[in-house]
Amino acid sequence: MFKAEPGLIIWTLVSFFILLILLAKLVYPLILKGLKKREETIQQQLEEARKTKQEAAALLEDYKRQLAEARSEAQKIINEGKGLGENMRKEIVQKAQQESNQIVKRAQEEIELQKQKALLELQEKIADLSIMAASKVINKSLNTEDHRRLVEEYVSKVGELYGK
């Protein structure tokens, strides 16, 4: 079965320690150097991740602020538009009222003018009718001067009756 040979054990131990010393002198520093480099890389990546997170948070706050400003500006524009619309509505109503007043005034002036014209026509017709009636009543022929005088007297009497 298994027989222990002292020479083989010693040479195995010597080989093991030589290999261990070679590994410790040559390979172990390389492994430590690789692990150190890996640790530094991970640490650097963590730091970059923290910076990126901070920048993202700052950008988020900036975007929130800009969004709030944009909403505020939009509300301001809406309010200005409403105010402008209300002012325009008031101006239109005021202009319409002024035009309406002018139309009423012109209509009243036209009515007064037509009234004066109608009164003058009425006076002329009354004068003509009065002359014809007077001619028939007097039964005499009047000359032009007499006609004019009679008409003027009658017109003045009619004017006094109708408040002119």
N, C-alpha and C. Protein backbone atom coordinates (compact mmCIF):
# COMPACT_ATOMS: atom_id res chain seq x y z
N MET A 1 0.76 -1.13 0.00
CA MET A 1 0.00 0.00 0.00
C MET A 1 0.84 1.25 0.00
N PHE A 2 0.60 2.08 0.92
CA PHE A 2 1.34 3.30 0.86
C PHE A 2 2.52 3.21 1.80
N LYS A 3 3.74 3.45 1.21
CA LYS A 3 4.96 3.37 1.99
C LYS A 3 5.60 4.74 1.90
N ALA A 4 5.91 5.33 2.99
CA ALA A 4 6.49 6.64 3.02
C ALA A 4 7.99 6.54 2.83
N GLU A 5 8.50 7.26 1.86
CA GLU A 5 9.93 7.29 1.60
C GLU A 5 10.44 8.65 2.04
N PRO A 6 11.43 8.63 2.94
CA PRO A 6 11.87 9.91 3.46
C PRO A 6 12.58 10.77 2.42
N GLY A 7 13.27 10.25 1.51
CA GLY A 7 13.98 11.05 0.48
C GLY A 7 12.98 11.74 -0.43
N LEU A 8 11.97 11.03 -0.78
CA LEU A 8 10.95 11.59 -1.65
C LEU A 8 10.19 12.71 -0.93
N ILE A 9 9.95 12.55 0.31
CA ILE A 9 9.22 13.56 1.10
C ILE A 9 10.06 14.83 1.18
N ILE A 10 11.39 14.66 1.42
CA ILE A 10 12.25 15.83 1.56
C ILE A 10 12.32 16.55 0.22
N TRP A 11 12.59 15.79 -0.85
CA TRP A 11 12.66 16.46 -2.16
C TRP A 11 11.31 17.08 -2.52
N THR A 12 10.22 16.51 -2.15
CA THR A 12 8.90 17.09 -2.42
C THR A 12 8.73 18.37 -1.63
N LEU A 13 9.17 18.36 -0.35
CA LEU A 13 9.05 19.56 0.47
C LEU A 13 9.98 20.66 -0.05
N VAL A 14 11.19 20.30 -0.46
CA VAL A 14 12.13 21.28 -0.98
C VAL A 14 11.55 21.87 -2.27
N SER A 15 11.02 21.05 -3.13
CA SER A 15 10.42 21.53 -4.38
C SER A 15 9.23 22.45 -4.09
N PHE A 16 8.45 22.03 -3.10
CA PHE A 16 7.28 22.84 -2.74
C PHE A 16 7.70 24.22 -2.23
N PHE A 17 8.71 24.27 -1.35
CA PHE A 17 9.15 25.55 -0.80
C PHE A 17 9.83 26.41 -1.86
N ILE A 18 10.58 25.79 -2.77
CA ILE A 18 11.20 26.55 -3.86
C ILE A 18 10.10 27.15 -4.74
N LEU A 19 9.12 26.29 -5.06
CA LEU A 19 7.99 26.77 -5.86
C LEU A 19 7.24 27.88 -5.12
N LEU A 20 7.07 27.70 -3.82
CA LEU A 20 6.38 28.71 -3.01
C LEU A 20 7.18 30.01 -3.00
N ILE A 21 8.50 29.95 -2.88
CA ILE A 21 9.34 31.14 -2.87
C ILE A 21 9.31 31.80 -4.25
N LEU A 22 9.38 31.00 -5.31
CA LEU A 22 9.29 31.57 -6.66
C LEU A 22 7.93 32.24 -6.89
N LEU A 23 6.90 31.58 -6.45
CA LEU A 23 5.56 32.18 -6.59
C LEU A 23 5.46 33.47 -5.78
N ALA A 24 5.99 33.43 -4.55
CA ALA A 24 5.92 34.62 -3.69
C ALA A 24 6.74 35.75 -4.27
N LYS A 25 7.89 35.44 -4.90
CA LYS A 25 8.75 36.49 -5.45
C LYS A 25 8.28 36.95 -6.82
N LEU A 26 7.81 36.08 -7.66
CA LEU A 26 7.49 36.45 -9.03
C LEU A 26 5.98 36.61 -9.29
N VAL A 27 5.18 35.67 -8.90
CA VAL A 27 3.77 35.67 -9.27
C VAL A 27 2.91 36.46 -8.29
N TYR A 28 3.15 36.30 -6.99
CA TYR A 28 2.33 36.97 -6.00
C TYR A 28 2.33 38.49 -6.17
N PRO A 29 3.50 39.17 -6.42
CA PRO A 29 3.46 40.62 -6.66
C PRO A 29 2.64 40.98 -7.91
N LEU A 30 2.72 40.13 -8.94
CA LEU A 30 1.92 40.41 -10.14
C LEU A 30 0.43 40.28 -9.83
N ILE A 31 0.07 39.26 -9.05
CA ILE A 31 -1.34 39.09 -8.67
C ILE A 31 -1.80 40.26 -7.82
N LEU A 32 -0.96 40.67 -6.84
CA LEU A 32 -1.30 41.81 -5.99
C LEU A 32 -1.40 43.09 -6.82
N LYS A 33 -0.47 43.22 -7.77
CA LYS A 33 -0.51 44.41 -8.64
C LYS A 33 -1.80 44.41 -9.46
N GLY A 34 -2.21 43.29 -10.01
CA GLY A 34 -3.45 43.20 -10.80
C GLY A 34 -4.67 43.47 -9.94
N LEU A 35 -4.66 42.92 -8.71
CA LEU A 35 -5.79 43.17 -7.79
C LEU A 35 -5.85 44.63 -7.38
N LYS A 36 -4.68 45.24 -7.14
CA LYS A 36 -4.62 46.66 -6.77
C LYS A 36 -5.16 47.51 -7.93
N LYS A 37 -4.72 47.15 -9.14
CA LYS A 37 -5.18 47.90 -10.32
C LYS A 37 -6.70 47.74 -10.48
N ARG A 38 -7.17 46.53 -10.28
CA ARG A 38 -8.62 46.28 -10.39
C ARG A 38 -9.38 47.07 -9.33
N GLU A 39 -8.84 47.12 -8.11
CA GLU A 39 -9.47 47.87 -7.02
C GLU A 39 -9.51 49.36 -7.36
N GLU A 40 -8.41 49.88 -7.91
CA GLU A 40 -8.37 51.29 -8.30
C GLU A 40 -9.38 51.58 -9.41
N THR A 41 -9.48 50.67 -10.38
CA THR A 41 -10.43 50.84 -11.47
C THR A 41 -11.87 50.86 -10.94
N ILE A 42 -12.16 49.91 -10.04
CA ILE A 42 -13.50 49.88 -9.44
C ILE A 42 -13.76 51.14 -8.64
N GLN A 43 -12.76 51.59 -7.87
CA GLN A 43 -12.91 52.81 -7.08
C GLN A 43 -13.15 54.02 -7.99
N GLN A 44 -12.41 54.08 -9.08
CA GLN A 44 -12.56 55.17 -10.04
C GLN A 44 -13.95 55.12 -10.68
N GLN A 45 -14.41 53.94 -11.04
CA GLN A 45 -15.73 53.81 -11.62
C GLN A 45 -16.83 54.22 -10.63
N LEU A 46 -16.64 53.84 -9.35
CA LEU A 46 -17.60 54.26 -8.32
C LEU A 46 -17.62 55.78 -8.18
N GLU A 47 -16.44 56.39 -8.21
CA GLU A 47 -16.36 57.86 -8.11
C GLU A 47 -17.03 58.52 -9.31
N GLU A 48 -16.78 57.98 -10.50
CA GLU A 48 -17.43 58.52 -11.70
C GLU A 48 -18.95 58.34 -11.62
N ALA A 49 -19.38 57.21 -11.08
CA ALA A 49 -20.82 56.97 -10.93
C ALA A 49 -21.42 57.99 -9.96
N ARG A 50 -20.70 58.29 -8.87
CA ARG A 50 -21.19 59.31 -7.91
C ARG A 50 -21.28 60.69 -8.59
N LYS A 51 -20.23 61.04 -9.37
CA LYS A 51 -20.24 62.32 -10.07
C LYS A 51 -21.39 62.38 -11.07
N THR A 52 -21.57 61.28 -11.81
CA THR A 52 -22.65 61.23 -12.79
C THR A 52 -24.00 61.35 -12.11
N LYS A 53 -24.13 60.71 -10.97
CA LYS A 53 -25.39 60.80 -10.21
C LYS A 53 -25.63 62.23 -9.75
N GLN A 54 -24.59 62.89 -9.26
CA GLN A 54 -24.72 64.28 -8.82
C GLN A 54 -25.08 65.19 -10.00
N GLU A 55 -24.40 64.97 -11.14
CA GLU A 55 -24.71 65.77 -12.33
C GLU A 55 -26.14 65.54 -12.79
N ALA A 56 -26.57 64.28 -12.74
CA ALA A 56 -27.95 63.95 -13.13
C ALA A 56 -28.94 64.64 -12.20
N ALA A 57 -28.63 64.64 -10.89
CA ALA A 57 -29.51 65.30 -9.93
C ALA A 57 -29.55 66.81 -10.20
N ALA A 58 -28.38 67.38 -10.50
CA ALA A 58 -28.33 68.82 -10.80
C ALA A 58 -29.10 69.13 -12.07
N LEU A 59 -28.94 68.28 -13.10
CA LEU A 59 -29.69 68.48 -14.35
C LEU A 59 -31.19 68.33 -14.11
N LEU A 60 -31.57 67.36 -13.29
CA LEU A 60 -32.99 67.18 -12.98
C LEU A 60 -33.55 68.43 -12.31
N GLU A 61 -32.82 68.96 -11.35
CA GLU A 61 -33.27 70.19 -10.68
C GLU A 61 -33.36 71.35 -11.67
N ASP A 62 -32.36 71.44 -12.55
CA ASP A 62 -32.37 72.51 -13.56
C ASP A 62 -33.57 72.35 -14.49
N TYR A 63 -33.84 71.12 -14.92
CA TYR A 63 -34.99 70.89 -15.80
C TYR A 63 -36.30 71.20 -15.08
N LYS A 64 -36.38 70.83 -13.81
CA LYS A 64 -37.58 71.15 -13.03
C LYS A 64 -37.76 72.66 -12.93
N ARG A 65 -36.67 73.37 -12.69
CA ARG A 65 -36.74 74.83 -12.59
C ARG A 65 -37.17 75.44 -13.92
N GLN A 66 -36.56 74.94 -15.02
CA GLN A 66 -36.92 75.44 -16.35
C GLN A 66 -38.37 75.14 -16.67
N LEU A 67 -38.84 73.97 -16.30
CA LEU A 67 -40.23 73.59 -16.53
C LEU A 67 -41.16 74.51 -15.75
N ALA A 68 -40.80 74.79 -14.50
CA ALA A 68 -41.62 75.70 -13.69
C ALA A 68 -41.63 77.10 -14.30
N GLU A 69 -40.46 77.56 -14.78
CA GLU A 69 -40.40 78.87 -15.43
C GLU A 69 -41.24 78.89 -16.70
N ALA A 70 -41.16 77.81 -17.47
CA ALA A 70 -41.95 77.74 -18.71
C ALA A 70 -43.45 77.75 -18.40
N ARG A 71 -43.84 77.02 -17.38
CA ARG A 71 -45.26 77.02 -16.98
C ARG A 71 -45.68 78.42 -16.53
N SER A 72 -44.82 79.04 -15.75
CA SER A 72 -45.13 80.39 -15.28
C SER A 72 -45.25 81.35 -16.46
N GLU A 73 -44.32 81.26 -17.39
CA GLU A 73 -44.35 82.12 -18.58
C GLU A 73 -45.60 81.85 -19.42
N ALA A 74 -45.95 80.57 -19.57
CA ALA A 74 -47.15 80.22 -20.33
C ALA A 74 -48.40 80.78 -19.66
N GLN A 75 -48.45 80.68 -18.33
CA GLN A 75 -49.61 81.23 -17.60
C GLN A 75 -49.65 82.75 -17.75
N LYS A 76 -48.49 83.37 -17.72
CA LYS A 76 -48.42 84.83 -17.89
C LYS A 76 -48.93 85.22 -19.28
N ILE A 77 -48.50 84.47 -20.30
CA ILE A 77 -48.95 84.76 -21.68
C ILE A 77 -50.45 84.55 -21.79
N ILE A 78 -50.97 83.49 -21.17
CA ILE A 78 -52.41 83.25 -21.20
C ILE A 78 -53.16 84.39 -20.54
N ASN A 79 -52.66 84.83 -19.38
CA ASN A 79 -53.32 85.93 -18.67
C ASN A 79 -53.27 87.22 -19.49
N GLU A 80 -52.12 87.48 -20.13
CA GLU A 80 -52.01 88.67 -20.98
C GLU A 80 -52.98 88.59 -22.15
N GLY A 81 -53.09 87.39 -22.73
CA GLY A 81 -54.02 87.19 -23.84
C GLY A 81 -55.46 87.43 -23.41
N LYS A 82 -55.80 86.94 -22.22
CA LYS A 82 -57.16 87.17 -21.70
C LYS A 82 -57.40 88.66 -21.48
N GLY A 83 -56.41 89.32 -20.90
CA GLY A 83 -56.55 90.77 -20.66
C GLY A 83 -56.68 91.53 -21.96
N LEU A 84 -55.84 91.16 -22.94
CA LEU A 84 -55.90 91.82 -24.24
C LEU A 84 -57.25 91.58 -24.90
N GLY A 85 -57.74 90.35 -24.81
CA GLY A 85 -59.05 90.03 -25.37
C GLY A 85 -60.15 90.84 -24.71
N GLU A 86 -60.07 90.97 -23.40
CA GLU A 86 -61.08 91.75 -22.66
C GLU A 86 -61.01 93.22 -23.06
N ASN A 87 -59.79 93.74 -23.20
CA ASN A 87 -59.64 95.13 -23.63
C ASN A 87 -60.21 95.34 -25.04
N MET A 88 -59.92 94.38 -25.93
CA MET A 88 -60.44 94.49 -27.30
C MET A 88 -61.97 94.44 -27.29
N ARG A 89 -62.53 93.56 -26.45
CA ARG A 89 -63.98 93.46 -26.35
C ARG A 89 -64.57 94.79 -25.87
N LYS A 90 -63.94 95.39 -24.87
CA LYS A 90 -64.43 96.67 -24.35
C LYS A 90 -64.34 97.76 -25.43
N GLU A 91 -63.21 97.77 -26.17
CA GLU A 91 -63.06 98.77 -27.24
C GLU A 91 -64.12 98.58 -28.31
N ILE A 92 -64.37 97.33 -28.69
CA ILE A 92 -65.38 97.06 -29.72
C ILE A 92 -66.75 97.50 -29.24
N VAL A 93 -67.08 97.18 -27.99
CA VAL A 93 -68.38 97.59 -27.44
C VAL A 93 -68.47 99.11 -27.40
N GLN A 94 -67.39 99.77 -27.00
CA GLN A 94 -67.38 101.23 -26.92
C GLN A 94 -67.55 101.84 -28.31
N LYS A 95 -66.81 101.30 -29.30
CA LYS A 95 -66.95 101.81 -30.66
C LYS A 95 -68.36 101.59 -31.19
N ALA A 96 -68.91 100.43 -30.92
CA ALA A 96 -70.27 100.14 -31.37
C ALA A 96 -71.26 101.11 -30.72
N GLN A 97 -71.04 101.40 -29.44
CA GLN A 97 -71.91 102.35 -28.74
C GLN A 97 -71.78 103.75 -29.36
N GLN A 98 -70.55 104.15 -29.67
CA GLN A 98 -70.35 105.47 -30.28
C GLN A 98 -71.00 105.53 -31.65
N GLU A 99 -70.81 104.48 -32.45
CA GLU A 99 -71.44 104.45 -33.78
C GLU A 99 -72.95 104.48 -33.66
N SER A 100 -73.46 103.74 -32.68
CA SER A 100 -74.91 103.73 -32.46
C SER A 100 -75.40 105.12 -32.09
N ASN A 101 -74.67 105.79 -31.22
CA ASN A 101 -75.05 107.16 -30.82
C ASN A 101 -75.00 108.10 -32.03
N GLN A 102 -73.98 107.94 -32.86
CA GLN A 102 -73.88 108.79 -34.06
C GLN A 102 -75.02 108.53 -35.02
N ILE A 103 -75.38 107.26 -35.18
CA ILE A 103 -76.49 106.93 -36.07
C ILE A 103 -77.78 107.52 -35.54
N VAL A 104 -78.01 107.42 -34.24
CA VAL A 104 -79.22 107.99 -33.63
C VAL A 104 -79.22 109.51 -33.80
N LYS A 105 -78.05 110.12 -33.59
CA LYS A 105 -77.96 111.58 -33.72
C LYS A 105 -78.26 112.01 -35.16
N ARG A 106 -77.67 111.28 -36.13
CA ARG A 106 -77.93 111.61 -37.53
C ARG A 106 -79.40 111.40 -37.88
N ALA A 107 -79.97 110.33 -37.34
CA ALA A 107 -81.38 110.06 -37.60
C ALA A 107 -82.24 111.18 -37.02
N GLN A 108 -81.92 111.64 -35.82
CA GLN A 108 -82.68 112.73 -35.20
C GLN A 108 -82.53 114.02 -36.02
N GLU A 109 -81.30 114.27 -36.50
CA GLU A 109 -81.09 115.46 -37.32
C GLU A 109 -81.89 115.34 -38.63
N GLU A 110 -81.89 114.17 -39.21
CA GLU A 110 -82.64 113.94 -40.45
C GLU A 110 -84.14 114.11 -40.20
N ILE A 111 -84.59 113.58 -39.07
CA ILE A 111 -86.01 113.73 -38.72
C ILE A 111 -86.35 115.21 -38.55
N GLU A 112 -85.49 115.94 -37.87
CA GLU A 112 -85.74 117.38 -37.67
C GLU A 112 -85.74 118.11 -39.00
N LEU A 113 -84.79 117.75 -39.88
CA LEU A 113 -84.72 118.37 -41.19
C LEU A 113 -85.98 118.07 -42.00
N GLN A 114 -86.40 116.81 -41.97
CA GLN A 114 -87.62 116.43 -42.70
C GLN A 114 -88.85 117.13 -42.10
N LYS A 115 -88.83 117.30 -40.78
CA LYS A 115 -89.94 118.00 -40.11
C LYS A 115 -90.00 119.44 -40.59
N GLN A 116 -88.82 120.10 -40.63
CA GLN A 116 -88.77 121.50 -41.08
C GLN A 116 -89.24 121.61 -42.54
N LYS A 117 -88.77 120.66 -43.33
CA LYS A 117 -89.14 120.64 -44.75
C LYS A 117 -90.64 120.45 -44.91
N ALA A 118 -91.19 119.51 -44.12
CA ALA A 118 -92.63 119.26 -44.18
C ALA A 118 -93.42 120.48 -43.73
N LEU A 119 -92.92 121.16 -42.69
CA LEU A 119 -93.61 122.37 -42.21
C LEU A 119 -93.60 123.46 -43.29
N LEU A 120 -92.44 123.60 -43.96
CA LEU A 120 -92.37 124.61 -45.02
C LEU A 120 -93.32 124.27 -46.16
N GLU A 121 -93.36 122.99 -46.53
CA GLU A 121 -94.28 122.59 -47.59
C GLU A 121 -95.72 122.81 -47.16
N LEU A 122 -95.99 122.48 -45.90
CA LEU A 122 -97.34 122.67 -45.37
C LEU A 122 -97.71 124.15 -45.38
N GLN A 123 -96.74 124.99 -44.99
CA GLN A 123 -97.02 126.43 -44.98
C GLN A 123 -97.30 126.93 -46.40
N GLU A 124 -96.51 126.42 -47.37
CA GLU A 124 -96.72 126.85 -48.75
C GLU A 124 -98.09 126.41 -49.24
N LYS A 125 -98.47 125.18 -48.94
CA LYS A 125 -99.78 124.69 -49.38
C LYS A 125 -100.90 125.45 -48.69
N ILE A 126 -100.70 125.71 -47.40
CA ILE A 126 -101.72 126.47 -46.67
C ILE A 126 -101.83 127.87 -47.27
N ALA A 127 -100.69 128.45 -47.62
CA ALA A 127 -100.69 129.79 -48.20
C ALA A 127 -101.43 129.77 -49.54
N ASP A 128 -101.12 128.75 -50.36
CA ASP A 128 -101.80 128.66 -51.66
C ASP A 128 -103.30 128.47 -51.47
N LEU A 129 -103.64 127.55 -50.56
CA LEU A 129 -105.06 127.32 -50.31
C LEU A 129 -105.74 128.57 -49.73
N SER A 130 -105.01 129.26 -48.87
CA SER A 130 -105.57 130.48 -48.27
C SER A 130 -105.80 131.54 -49.33
N ILE A 131 -104.84 131.65 -50.25
CA ILE A 131 -104.98 132.65 -51.31
C ILE A 131 -106.18 132.30 -52.19
N MET A 132 -106.28 131.02 -52.52
CA MET A 132 -107.42 130.63 -53.35
C MET A 132 -108.73 130.86 -52.63
N ALA A 133 -108.73 130.53 -51.35
CA ALA A 133 -109.97 130.73 -50.58
C ALA A 133 -110.26 132.21 -50.43
N ALA A 134 -109.23 132.98 -50.18
CA ALA A 134 -109.43 134.42 -50.01
C ALA A 134 -109.87 135.05 -51.31
N SER A 135 -109.34 134.56 -52.42
CA SER A 135 -109.73 135.11 -53.72
C SER A 135 -111.20 134.84 -53.98
N LYS A 136 -111.60 133.68 -53.62
CA LYS A 136 -113.00 133.35 -53.84
C LYS A 136 -113.89 134.13 -52.89
N VAL A 137 -113.44 134.30 -51.65
CA VAL A 137 -114.27 135.01 -50.68
C VAL A 137 -114.34 136.48 -51.06
N ILE A 138 -113.26 137.06 -51.36
CA ILE A 138 -113.23 138.48 -51.67
C ILE A 138 -113.84 138.71 -53.04
N ASN A 139 -113.70 137.74 -53.85
CA ASN A 139 -114.24 137.81 -55.19
C ASN A 139 -113.62 138.94 -55.98
N LYS A 140 -112.44 139.08 -55.76
CA LYS A 140 -111.77 140.09 -56.56
C LYS A 140 -110.40 139.57 -56.92
N SER A 141 -109.83 140.08 -57.83
CA SER A 141 -108.55 139.64 -58.33
C SER A 141 -107.46 140.43 -57.63
N LEU A 142 -106.50 139.68 -57.08
CA LEU A 142 -105.39 140.35 -56.40
C LEU A 142 -104.17 140.35 -57.30
N ASN A 143 -103.43 141.40 -57.17
CA ASN A 143 -102.19 141.40 -57.95
C ASN A 143 -101.10 140.64 -57.18
N THR A 144 -99.93 140.49 -57.78
CA THR A 144 -98.85 139.69 -57.21
C THR A 144 -98.40 140.24 -55.87
N GLU A 145 -98.32 141.52 -55.75
CA GLU A 145 -97.87 142.16 -54.51
C GLU A 145 -98.86 141.88 -53.39
N ASP A 146 -100.12 141.94 -53.70
CA ASP A 146 -101.15 141.66 -52.69
C ASP A 146 -101.09 140.19 -52.27
N HIS A 147 -100.88 139.33 -53.26
CA HIS A 147 -100.77 137.91 -52.94
C HIS A 147 -99.61 137.66 -51.97
N ARG A 148 -98.49 138.25 -52.27
CA ARG A 148 -97.29 138.05 -51.46
C ARG A 148 -97.53 138.54 -50.03
N ARG A 149 -98.12 139.69 -49.90
CA ARG A 149 -98.39 140.26 -48.59
C ARG A 149 -99.33 139.39 -47.79
N LEU A 150 -100.38 138.92 -48.43
CA LEU A 150 -101.35 138.06 -47.75
C LEU A 150 -100.68 136.75 -47.29
N VAL A 151 -99.86 136.17 -48.18
CA VAL A 151 -99.17 134.93 -47.84
C VAL A 151 -98.25 135.14 -46.65
N GLU A 152 -97.48 136.19 -46.63
CA GLU A 152 -96.55 136.45 -45.54
C GLU A 152 -97.29 136.64 -44.23
N GLU A 153 -98.41 137.34 -44.27
CA GLU A 153 -99.20 137.53 -43.05
C GLU A 153 -99.73 136.19 -42.55
N TYR A 154 -100.25 135.42 -43.50
CA TYR A 154 -100.83 134.14 -43.11
C TYR A 154 -99.75 133.20 -42.58
N VAL A 155 -98.60 133.16 -43.23
CA VAL A 155 -97.50 132.30 -42.80
C VAL A 155 -97.04 132.70 -41.42
N SER A 156 -96.96 133.96 -41.14
CA SER A 156 -96.55 134.40 -39.82
C SER A 156 -97.58 134.01 -38.77
N LYS A 157 -98.85 134.06 -39.12
CA LYS A 157 -99.89 133.65 -38.18
C LYS A 157 -99.84 132.13 -37.96
N VAL A 158 -99.64 131.39 -39.03
CA VAL A 158 -99.54 129.94 -38.92
C VAL A 158 -98.30 129.56 -38.11
N GLY A 159 -97.20 130.27 -38.31
CA GLY A 159 -95.96 130.01 -37.58
C GLY A 159 -96.16 130.24 -36.09
N GLU A 160 -96.95 131.29 -35.75
CA GLU A 160 -97.22 131.58 -34.35
C GLU A 160 -98.08 130.50 -33.76
N LEU A 161 -99.00 129.96 -34.53
CA LEU A 161 -99.88 128.88 -34.04
C LEU A 161 -99.11 127.58 -33.78
N TYR A 162 -98.16 127.29 -34.67
CA TYR A 162 -97.42 126.03 -34.54
C TYR A 162 -96.11 126.19 -33.76
N GLY A 163 -95.94 127.31 -33.12
CA GLY A 163 -94.79 127.50 -32.24
C GLY A 163 -93.50 127.77 -32.90
N LYS A 164 -93.54 128.40 -34.04
CA LYS A 164 -92.31 128.71 -34.72
C LYS A 164 -91.87 130.09 -34.44
